[in-house]
Amino acid sequence: MPMKAQMDQLQRVVSLCVALEWATGCPDLAGRDAVLKLMGEEVSTTIQGVIYSAESKGGGGAEMA
């Protein structure tokens, strides 16, 4: 994965963190829980993609674990 794609993924995480701040103020508890769960899954998936890409470029990645 090119560095630009990795940076785009990390920027997506930053945007999701901003949205997280907004979601924590949501007065609807059920809605807040659903949004927070979805955002957590998105952040996790994005970070795992960056880690996978970095490890595959690094040739092993044991030192990144």
PDB file of N, CA and C in Angstrom:
ATOM      1  N   MET A   1       0.854  -1.170   0.000  1.00  0.00           N
ATOM      2  CA  MET A   1       0.000   0.000   0.000  1.00  0.00           C
ATOM      3  C   MET A   1       0.901   1.234   0.000  1.00  0.00           C
ATOM      4  N   PRO A   2       0.646   2.160  -0.899  1.00  0.00           N
ATOM      5  CA  PRO A   2       1.450   3.380  -0.957  1.00  0.00           C
ATOM      6  C   PRO A   2       1.301   4.212   0.322  1.00  0.00           C
ATOM      7  N   MET A   3       2.316   5.003   0.594  1.00  0.00           N
ATOM      8  CA  MET A   3       2.309   5.851   1.796  1.00  0.00           C
ATOM      9  C   MET A   3       1.092   6.773   1.805  1.00  0.00           C
ATOM     10  N   LYS A   4       0.685   7.280   0.653  1.00  0.00           N
ATOM     11  CA  LYS A   4      -0.499   8.168   0.582  1.00  0.00           C
ATOM     12  C   LYS A   4      -1.735   7.446   1.102  1.00  0.00           C
ATOM     13  N   ALA A   5      -1.901   6.192   0.721  1.00  0.00           N
ATOM     14  CA  ALA A   5      -3.061   5.426   1.183  1.00  0.00           C
ATOM     15  C   ALA A   5      -2.996   5.222   2.693  1.00  0.00           C
ATOM     16  N   GLN A   6      -1.807   4.969   3.218  1.00  0.00           N
ATOM     17  CA  GLN A   6      -1.655   4.810   4.665  1.00  0.00           C
ATOM     18  C   GLN A   6      -2.008   6.112   5.383  1.00  0.00           C
ATOM     19  N   MET A   7      -1.542   7.227   4.847  1.00  0.00           N
ATOM     20  CA  MET A   7      -1.841   8.516   5.468  1.00  0.00           C
ATOM     21  C   MET A   7      -3.339   8.813   5.388  1.00  0.00           C
ATOM     22  N   ASP A   8      -3.968   8.442   4.291  1.00  0.00           N
ATOM     23  CA  ASP A   8      -5.420   8.625   4.169  1.00  0.00           C
ATOM     24  C   ASP A   8      -6.159   7.803   5.219  1.00  0.00           C
ATOM     25  N   GLN A   9      -5.691   6.579   5.454  1.00  0.00           N
ATOM     26  CA  GLN A   9      -6.326   5.738   6.465  1.00  0.00           C
ATOM     27  C   GLN A   9      -6.150   6.340   7.853  1.00  0.00           C
ATOM     28  N   LEU A  10      -4.961   6.827   8.140  1.00  0.00           N
ATOM     29  CA  LEU A  10      -4.730   7.433   9.455  1.00  0.00           C
ATOM     30  C   LEU A  10      -5.545   8.720   9.609  1.00  0.00           C
ATOM     31  N   GLN A  11      -5.707   9.482   8.534  1.00  0.00           N
ATOM     32  CA  GLN A  11      -6.550  10.685   8.592  1.00  0.00           C
ATOM     33  C   GLN A  11      -7.995  10.305   8.874  1.00  0.00           C
ATOM     34  N   ARG A  12      -8.421   9.160   8.344  1.00  0.00           N
ATOM     35  CA  ARG A  12      -9.783   8.665   8.611  1.00  0.00           C
ATOM     36  C   ARG A  12      -9.942   8.378  10.101  1.00  0.00           C
ATOM     37  N   VAL A  13      -8.912   7.823  10.721  1.00  0.00           N
ATOM     38  CA  VAL A  13      -8.963   7.563  12.162  1.00  0.00           C
ATOM     39  C   VAL A  13      -9.087   8.886  12.919  1.00  0.00           C
ATOM     40  N   VAL A  14      -8.345   9.884  12.512  1.00  0.00           N
ATOM     41  CA  VAL A  14      -8.429  11.192  13.163  1.00  0.00           C
ATOM     42  C   VAL A  14      -9.855  11.740  13.042  1.00  0.00           C
ATOM     43  N   SER A  15     -10.443  11.625  11.863  1.00  0.00           N
ATOM     44  CA  SER A  15     -11.817  12.097  11.661  1.00  0.00           C
ATOM     45  C   SER A  15     -12.796  11.327  12.534  1.00  0.00           C
ATOM     46  N   LEU A  16     -12.588  10.025  12.645  1.00  0.00           N
ATOM     47  CA  LEU A  16     -13.463   9.218  13.496  1.00  0.00           C
ATOM     48  C   LEU A  16     -13.309   9.610  14.965  1.00  0.00           C
ATOM     49  N   CYS A  17     -12.115   9.990  15.369  1.00  0.00           N
ATOM     50  CA  CYS A  17     -11.914  10.435  16.751  1.00  0.00           C
ATOM     51  C   CYS A  17     -12.675  11.735  17.017  1.00  0.00           C
ATOM     52  N   VAL A  18     -12.701  12.624  16.035  1.00  0.00           N
ATOM     53  CA  VAL A  18     -13.479  13.865  16.165  1.00  0.00           C
ATOM     54  C   VAL A  18     -14.958  13.516  16.280  1.00  0.00           C
ATOM     55  N   ALA A  19     -15.410  12.585  15.452  1.00  0.00           N
ATOM     56  CA  ALA A  19     -16.804  12.158  15.513  1.00  0.00           C
ATOM     57  C   ALA A  19     -17.112  11.494  16.849  1.00  0.00           C
ATOM     58  N   LEU A  20     -16.138  10.828  17.418  1.00  0.00           N
ATOM     59  CA  LEU A  20     -16.300  10.190  18.722  1.00  0.00           C
ATOM     60  C   LEU A  20     -16.638  11.238  19.784  1.00  0.00           C
ATOM     61  N   GLU A  21     -15.951  12.346  19.736  1.00  0.00           N
ATOM     62  CA  GLU A  21     -16.242  13.424  20.678  1.00  0.00           C
ATOM     63  C   GLU A  21     -17.688  13.891  20.533  1.00  0.00           C
ATOM     64  N   TRP A  22     -18.153  13.997  19.287  1.00  0.00           N
ATOM     65  CA  TRP A  22     -19.531  14.402  19.041  1.00  0.00           C
ATOM     66  C   TRP A  22     -20.498  13.349  19.578  1.00  0.00           C
ATOM     67  N   ALA A  23     -20.208  12.075  19.309  1.00  0.00           N
ATOM     68  CA  ALA A  23     -21.113  10.991  19.692  1.00  0.00           C
ATOM     69  C   ALA A  23     -21.267  10.886  21.210  1.00  0.00           C
ATOM     70  N   THR A  24     -20.226  11.207  21.938  1.00  0.00           N
ATOM     71  CA  THR A  24     -20.323  11.087  23.392  1.00  0.00           C
ATOM     72  C   THR A  24     -21.332  12.068  23.979  1.00  0.00           C
ATOM     73  N   GLY A  25     -21.666  13.112  23.230  1.00  0.00           N
ATOM     74  CA  GLY A  25     -22.658  14.073  23.705  1.00  0.00           C
ATOM     75  C   GLY A  25     -24.074  13.767  23.256  1.00  0.00           C
ATOM     76  N   CYS A  26     -24.264  12.659  22.547  1.00  0.00           N
ATOM     77  CA  CYS A  26     -25.588  12.299  22.033  1.00  0.00           C
ATOM     78  C   CYS A  26     -26.519  11.946  23.195  1.00  0.00           C
ATOM     79  N   PRO A  27     -27.698  12.587  23.280  1.00  0.00           N
ATOM     80  CA  PRO A  27     -28.601  12.319  24.396  1.00  0.00           C
ATOM     81  C   PRO A  27     -29.323  10.965  24.313  1.00  0.00           C
ATOM     82  N   ASP A  28     -29.400  10.381  23.126  1.00  0.00           N
ATOM     83  CA  ASP A  28     -30.072   9.090  22.942  1.00  0.00           C
ATOM     84  C   ASP A  28     -29.067   7.971  23.241  1.00  0.00           C
ATOM     85  N   LEU A  29     -29.219   7.325  24.392  1.00  0.00           N
ATOM     86  CA  LEU A  29     -28.237   6.335  24.828  1.00  0.00           C
ATOM     87  C   LEU A  29     -28.121   5.151  23.875  1.00  0.00           C
ATOM     88  N   ALA A  30     -29.241   4.660  23.362  1.00  0.00           N
ATOM     89  CA  ALA A  30     -29.191   3.532  22.429  1.00  0.00           C
ATOM     90  C   ALA A  30     -28.497   3.946  21.136  1.00  0.00           C
ATOM     91  N   GLY A  31     -28.803   5.127  20.658  1.00  0.00           N
ATOM     92  CA  GLY A  31     -28.156   5.643  19.450  1.00  0.00           C
ATOM     93  C   GLY A  31     -26.675   5.844  19.664  1.00  0.00           C
ATOM     94  N   ARG A  32     -26.318   6.384  20.822  1.00  0.00           N
ATOM     95  CA  ARG A  32     -24.905   6.601  21.142  1.00  0.00           C
ATOM     96  C   ARG A  32     -24.151   5.281  21.158  1.00  0.00           C
ATOM     97  N   ASP A  33     -24.719   4.271  21.801  1.00  0.00           N
ATOM     98  CA  ASP A  33     -24.056   2.972  21.860  1.00  0.00           C
ATOM     99  C   ASP A  33     -23.836   2.383  20.472  1.00  0.00           C
ATOM    100  N   ALA A  34     -24.842   2.495  19.618  1.00  0.00           N
ATOM    101  CA  ALA A  34     -24.726   1.956  18.256  1.00  0.00           C
ATOM    102  C   ALA A  34     -23.650   2.693  17.462  1.00  0.00           C
ATOM    103  N   VAL A  35     -23.656   4.027  17.564  1.00  0.00           N
ATOM    104  CA  VAL A  35     -22.672   4.828  16.830  1.00  0.00           C
ATOM    105  C   VAL A  35     -21.262   4.548  17.344  1.00  0.00           C
ATOM    106  N   LEU A  36     -21.105   4.469  18.652  1.00  0.00           N
ATOM    107  CA  LEU A  36     -19.781   4.221  19.221  1.00  0.00           C
ATOM    108  C   LEU A  36     -19.249   2.843  18.823  1.00  0.00           C
ATOM    109  N   LYS A  37     -20.118   1.849  18.793  1.00  0.00           N
ATOM    110  CA  LYS A  37     -19.688   0.511  18.380  1.00  0.00           C
ATOM    111  C   LYS A  37     -19.230   0.532  16.925  1.00  0.00           C
ATOM    112  N   LEU A  38     -20.014   1.150  16.070  1.00  0.00           N
ATOM    113  CA  LEU A  38     -19.667   1.240  14.655  1.00  0.00           C
ATOM    114  C   LEU A  38     -18.345   1.977  14.463  1.00  0.00           C
ATOM    115  N   MET A  39     -18.172   3.076  15.170  1.00  0.00           N
ATOM    116  CA  MET A  39     -16.937   3.847  15.051  1.00  0.00           C
ATOM    117  C   MET A  39     -15.741   3.051  15.552  1.00  0.00           C
ATOM    118  N   GLY A  40     -15.913   2.310  16.618  1.00  0.00           N
ATOM    119  CA  GLY A  40     -14.829   1.474  17.124  1.00  0.00           C
ATOM    120  C   GLY A  40     -14.401   0.431  16.109  1.00  0.00           C
ATOM    121  N   GLU A  41     -15.368  -0.167  15.439  1.00  0.00           N
ATOM    122  CA  GLU A  41     -15.060  -1.158  14.409  1.00  0.00           C
ATOM    123  C   GLU A  41     -14.321  -0.514  13.235  1.00  0.00           C
ATOM    124  N   GLU A  42     -14.746   0.676  12.853  1.00  0.00           N
ATOM    125  CA  GLU A  42     -14.088   1.389  11.755  1.00  0.00           C
ATOM    126  C   GLU A  42     -12.639   1.728  12.106  1.00  0.00           C
ATOM    127  N   VAL A  43     -12.424   2.231  13.312  1.00  0.00           N
ATOM    128  CA  VAL A  43     -11.071   2.578  13.742  1.00  0.00           C
ATOM    129  C   VAL A  43     -10.197   1.332  13.769  1.00  0.00           C
ATOM    130  N   SER A  44     -10.705   0.263  14.332  1.00  0.00           N
ATOM    131  CA  SER A  44      -9.938  -0.981  14.425  1.00  0.00           C
ATOM    132  C   SER A  44      -9.568  -1.513  13.045  1.00  0.00           C
ATOM    133  N   THR A  45     -10.529  -1.528  12.132  1.00  0.00           N
ATOM    134  CA  THR A  45     -10.282  -2.017  10.777  1.00  0.00           C
ATOM    135  C   THR A  45      -9.240  -1.168  10.065  1.00  0.00           C
ATOM    136  N   THR A  46      -9.347   0.136  10.204  1.00  0.00           N
ATOM    137  CA  THR A  46      -8.401   1.038   9.546  1.00  0.00           C
ATOM    138  C   THR A  46      -6.995   0.851  10.103  1.00  0.00           C
ATOM    139  N   ILE A  47      -6.874   0.774  11.407  1.00  0.00           N
ATOM    140  CA  ILE A  47      -5.556   0.592  12.022  1.00  0.00           C
ATOM    141  C   ILE A  47      -4.955  -0.749  11.625  1.00  0.00           C
ATOM    142  N   GLN A  48      -5.761  -1.791  11.610  1.00  0.00           N
ATOM    143  CA  GLN A  48      -5.256  -3.104  11.204  1.00  0.00           C
ATOM    144  C   GLN A  48      -4.756  -3.083   9.762  1.00  0.00           C
ATOM    145  N   GLY A  49      -5.436  -2.331   8.884  1.00  0.00           N
ATOM    146  CA  GLY A  49      -4.982  -2.199   7.500  1.00  0.00           C
ATOM    147  C   GLY A  49      -3.625  -1.535   7.407  1.00  0.00           C
ATOM    148  N   VAL A  50      -3.416  -0.491   8.188  1.00  0.00           N
ATOM    149  CA  VAL A  50      -2.130   0.201   8.196  1.00  0.00           C
ATOM    150  C   VAL A  50      -1.042  -0.718   8.746  1.00  0.00           C
ATOM    151  N   ILE A  51      -1.345  -1.429   9.826  1.00  0.00           N
ATOM    152  CA  ILE A  51      -0.370  -2.341  10.423  1.00  0.00           C
ATOM    153  C   ILE A  51      -0.003  -3.442   9.444  1.00  0.00           C
ATOM    154  N   TYR A  52      -0.999  -4.042   8.806  1.00  0.00           N
ATOM    155  CA  TYR A  52      -0.749  -5.110   7.842  1.00  0.00           C
ATOM    156  C   TYR A  52       0.154  -4.617   6.711  1.00  0.00           C
ATOM    157  N   SER A  53      -0.156  -3.442   6.191  1.00  0.00           N
ATOM    158  CA  SER A  53       0.629  -2.884   5.101  1.00  0.00           C
ATOM    159  C   SER A  53       2.072  -2.620   5.542  1.00  0.00           C
ATOM    160  N   ALA A  54       2.243  -2.039   6.710  1.00  0.00           N
ATOM    161  CA  ALA A  54       3.589  -1.737   7.207  1.00  0.00           C
ATOM    162  C   ALA A  54       4.380  -3.018   7.448  1.00  0.00           C
ATOM    163  N   GLU A  55       3.723  -4.025   8.002  1.00  0.00           N
ATOM    164  CA  GLU A  55       4.416  -5.285   8.266  1.00  0.00           C
ATOM    165  C   GLU A  55       4.799  -5.972   6.964  1.00  0.00           C
ATOM    166  N   SER A  56       3.941  -5.940   5.972  1.00  0.00           N
ATOM    167  CA  SER A  56       4.249  -6.612   4.710  1.00  0.00           C
ATOM    168  C   SER A  56       5.387  -5.902   3.977  1.00  0.00           C
ATOM    169  N   LYS A  57       5.480  -4.601   4.127  1.00  0.00           N
ATOM    170  CA  LYS A  57       6.602  -3.851   3.529  1.00  0.00           C
ATOM    171  C   LYS A  57       7.900  -4.096   4.289  1.00  0.00           C
ATOM    172  N   GLY A  58       7.774  -4.281   5.603  1.00  0.00           N
ATOM    173  CA  GLY A  58       8.965  -4.433   6.448  1.00  0.00           C
ATOM    174  C   GLY A  58       9.561  -5.823   6.405  1.00  0.00           C
ATOM    175  N   GLY A  59       8.842  -6.775   5.844  1.00  0.00           N
ATOM    176  CA  GLY A  59       9.380  -8.112   5.727  1.00  0.00           C
ATOM    177  C   GLY A  59       9.358  -8.889   7.021  1.00  0.00           C
ATOM    178  N   GLY A  60       8.234  -8.971   7.665  1.00  0.00           N
ATOM    179  CA  GLY A  60       8.139  -9.768   8.890  1.00  0.00           C
ATOM    180  C   GLY A  60       7.374  -9.034   9.965  1.00  0.00           C
ATOM    181  N   GLY A  61       7.904  -7.914  10.382  1.00  0.00           N
ATOM    182  CA  GLY A  61       7.219  -7.059  11.314  1.00  0.00           C
ATOM    183  C   GLY A  61       7.223  -7.523  12.758  1.00  0.00           C
ATOM    184  N   ALA A  62       8.082  -8.467  13.121  1.00  0.00           N
ATOM    185  CA  ALA A  62       8.109  -8.934  14.509  1.00  0.00           C
ATOM    186  C   ALA A  62       8.442  -7.788  15.456  1.00  0.00           C
ATOM    187  N   GLU A  63       9.260  -6.852  14.989  1.00  0.00           N
ATOM    188  CA  GLU A  63       9.628  -5.730  15.849  1.00  0.00           C
ATOM    189  C   GLU A  63       8.505  -4.719  15.992  1.00  0.00           C
ATOM    190  N   MET A  64       7.457  -4.839  15.163  1.00  0.00           N
ATOM    191  CA  MET A  64       6.333  -3.911  15.241  1.00  0.00           C
ATOM    192  C   MET A  64       5.249  -4.412  16.168  1.00  0.00           C
ATOM    193  N   ALA A  65       5.306  -5.653  16.586  1.00  0.00           N
ATOM    194  CA  ALA A  65       4.239  -6.237  17.393  1.00  0.00           C
ATOM    195  C   ALA A  65       4.221  -5.709  18.792  1.00  0.00           C
TER     196      ALA A  65
END
